[in-house]
Amino acid sequence: MNILIWIVLFIATFLLMEFMAWFTHKYVMHGFLWVLHKDHHKKDHKSWWERNDLFFVFYAVVSMIFFTSEFQFSIAIGAGIAAYGLAYFLVHDIFIHQRFKLFRNANHWYAKGIRRAHKMHHKHLGKEDGECFGMLVPPMKFLKNKK
């Protein structure tokens, strides 16, 4: 029975992290911590590292805290956070922004939808008037089959 609870907690945590990503992106990154996120919208330095990457580090630390805590199912929660972080990194940093030159020609409807939604997000250079704050679940209008 414990393995079933572990699996449910892992999946639930992974899914909850999409909401956390949306919430953090909309209200924290485009809010009081815009100073850390703005270089992701308009690069103001020559470094590969962005101040925005500190958000990734924050969630990695949260995941590690769960991995090392004594709570019975904390490893499942930490693994769910880490798995979402990996998915976010693969989709956002590698697939969309091409920080590593992989997955350039993904022609699947879902991949195109994610790219369209993120492109709409980045058309706004300031912290106001943003849209499409999630990552893995873009608004349905971007998932429609467009050429």
Foldseek 3Di string as FASTA:
>chain_A
DVVVVLVVLLVVLLVVVLVVQLCCQQDPCLHPVVVQNLCVLPPDDDDLDGSVCVVLVVLLVVLVVLVPDDPPNSPSNSNSSVVNSVVCCCLPVCCQVNSPVPVPDDDDLQSQLQNVLVVQQSVDSHSPPGDQRGHNDGPVVSSPDDD
